[in-house]
Each structure stands twice: as structure tokens, then as C-alpha cells.
């Protein structure tokens, strides 16, 4: 597929999906993990560029480039470095310097664990030298919006101005959230839509199971996940559960494309020139153009990457519902979804549970699940029981995959900490706030101690 070709028919929009289909023998898993950097002592947010001293993203990037063979990425020649890459692995920045590792497509979750371990090893020396600590939590636990920096990336000022028009917590989404995500392959249109629809329908259950954002501005929140609450207050045209995909009957790539066409764009590029067309739907851009420019396949690929549903389709299926996690649970998210999506028997069982849920029941339940998590209900069904069933399906799927490490363990080993919490009726957030009361204020140092990633495995 040529990405610099004009879009001439609606069928052109589907090429990105058809071209990405792979046989099961070539399926891989790509994990993405974000974390907050703060300075030891003051717990001030890690800046992009330090006015004084050396603790900054730039200093971290320089160290990684000099010592570990990373190559810099900038949006224009001579522009600020906003990411690093090495082979298929990259380190990128969310709007307020959330540090994101986007891993290579790998065959097993064991390899993902090794990838995380190497990343921590590479960060450890420079983090100690610069007195930076890393927090594995889904919402910044003590910073106010005014205290956070902005990364000099072209689309962020556009998003900053546009998204709050339709989302009360849009700036929180950009600046104060962090997540663990995973990317999966599909073999056909039917396979892609089965995985996408199942992931969307189960996303509130999996979010409740992995909720890990119980602090806000130094106090214990009344919610299990402030991050999940943020997503309830975002523009509906580009986030959420994609209601169009909850109807009965056969679904296809066109159904997803039709939803995506009506979301507002941010920008598109022609060489070094950026066109800011925030709010124009891709459908309108495709029909009417913008300032003499016509829609191209590369614009469509960029647009798909700026949509934020709980699961989204691009050249891969990306699952997006989970908060960032502490060190012992980092691999639980890719492991859980691998077990559900990469074993046919497990996918059928997960699909059967997903099909018992109605859109109206799920939408009505979401605000409650943000607050009480596993103790909530969807319709008449206990979320605790649903989560237990989903986890058991994933464990069995991983067992049947039988991808073993050197010690003879299959990938279900990464679900053990999550299984233990679930057996106690707890999410990771409950462990973070054990012994603390909602509304209580605490020092940043105490909260950092509870949420810190130790950079060891």
C-alpha cells in the first residue's frame, strides 16, 4: 500500500487493515508502558529541558543515545528531539513528559518481560545520577496541571486548544494519565472485528480488574481510577466504546472506518509543512479537502492514530483500557490479552461473555466501576465474577499456547500477582491505598514511595 496516494474511493480507507492481515504463525505482541518521572526530594515533575541543573528528559535522552545506541527522532530537521528509536523499539513522550517505552513486536510475553528488564537496566544508572524516580500509576498522584511541563511536539498545542471543547478532562488526559497498552495482530477481517468487539465490550471489566490510579493532587481519591474517570469526560466522537460496533450481525472494517470518518482531525502534513485543521471531520476532508489539499492515505493512517477508544484498529489492534502498573504487574496486561486473543478457544469463550453485555448496561455501569471497581455490577452481573471468568479464560489460553521460558513456565506466570489480588476482591489501587482513607492528604514523598518503580526485576 502506497501511503502517499490520494484517497479516491471509500474502499481505499480499508487498505490499511487488509494489508496488515497476517497468518497466526506471524502474530506478535507489542507492549507499551508509560511512567511518570519526578525528582527525588522535591518530587517535582521531570522537565523536558532543565533551565538549571541537569535533571531533564534531554539529559536522559543524551545518556541513552551515547551509551545504548539509540537514534534521535525530531519532527523537523534541527527540531527538538522528542523520541528515540533502536530497531523496532522506541522511547517516546506523552504531552507532559510521561516516558513511554514502545516495544518491538515479540513472540511471547517472556520476551516482553526481558525487554522491560533491559529498559530498566539502561535507565537505572542515569536515573540515579540525575536523582529521578519513576512512578507506575495511572494518574499523576500529586501534581497539579499548572505544575506540569509540555513536550514541544507539533500536535500537542493543537490538541490542547481543541480537545477541551468537547471534553471536560481533556487536559488531564494529556498531562496526568499514564497507561500500559498492548498491540495484537489479526488474520482476517472477521478475526480483527471479533478481537476488536470483544476487547471493547470487556474493557470496563478489565479496567476495573487493573485499576491503579487512586490518588489525585496528594490525596486519596474516592475513585479506584482517576484515569478511567478522565475517559468518561472526553469527546465522544473519538473515545469510548464505539456504539456502532455493538449491533448484532456481521461487522467489518467499513463499520470501524465509518465511525472514524466522523471524528475531528488535528492536523496533516505535506513535507515540512503542517496544516492545522482541528475539528474538520475526516469525512469532510475526504470530500472537500482543506486549503487546496486533498486527503491521502498517509493522512488517514495519522488520523486513525489520533482516535482514543478503549480498543482501536490500525495496522494492529491496540487495547487501551488499563492504567499504568507497578513493577510486578507490568506484564499482566499484555499477558491477559494474549491469553484472550491468541487462542481460538479462549477468544470464543471471551466473546461469549462479551455478548452477554449490552451497551446500555455497560454505559450505565462505567461511572460506578470507576468508583468501586470490582465491587460494582454490569446489569445484574457481578464485576468480580465477570473478572474471575475473564482471568480464568486468559490463564487457560496461555496454557494452551504453551510458550515456555527457560524454566519451563508458560506465560500465565505473569498473571499470578493479578490473580492473587482478584482472589481477595482487590485491584492494584486497593494495594496502593491500604490503610489510607478517601480524602486524606499525604506528602508527595509518601505517595511516591508507594507508587515507585524500582528499575529492577
Foldseek 3Di string as FASTA:
>chain_A
DDQFAFDDDLVVLCPQQVVLADPLVPKFKKKKWWWWKAAPPVRFGAAQDDPDDQRHVVNLVVLCCVPPVWDFDDLDVPHDTAKTDDVQWIWGAFFQRGIMTIGHGHHALVVVLVVLLVVLVSRVVVCVVRRMFIFQFFWAFADDLVRTYGDPDVLVVLQVVFWCVQFVLSSRLRHTGIFMKMWIHHNDFQLQLLLLLLLLLCLLLVALLAQGHQHDNQFGALFSHPNLVRQVGTHPLFEERLQQSQDDDDDGPVSQVVSLQQAFDQWDDDVSDIGGPGGDGNVCCQVPNDPPDHDGSNSSLVSQVPGYYCWGDGSTIMHTRYGGGADLQSSVVSLLSCLQRSAVVNSVQSSVLSNVAHPVQCVVFSVVCRRQRQCTARPPHRSLVVSVSSLVSSLVSQVVVLPQDPVSDTSCVSCVVSVVQSVVVHHNSCVLQPPHDGPDGDDPVVSCVSRTHPSHD
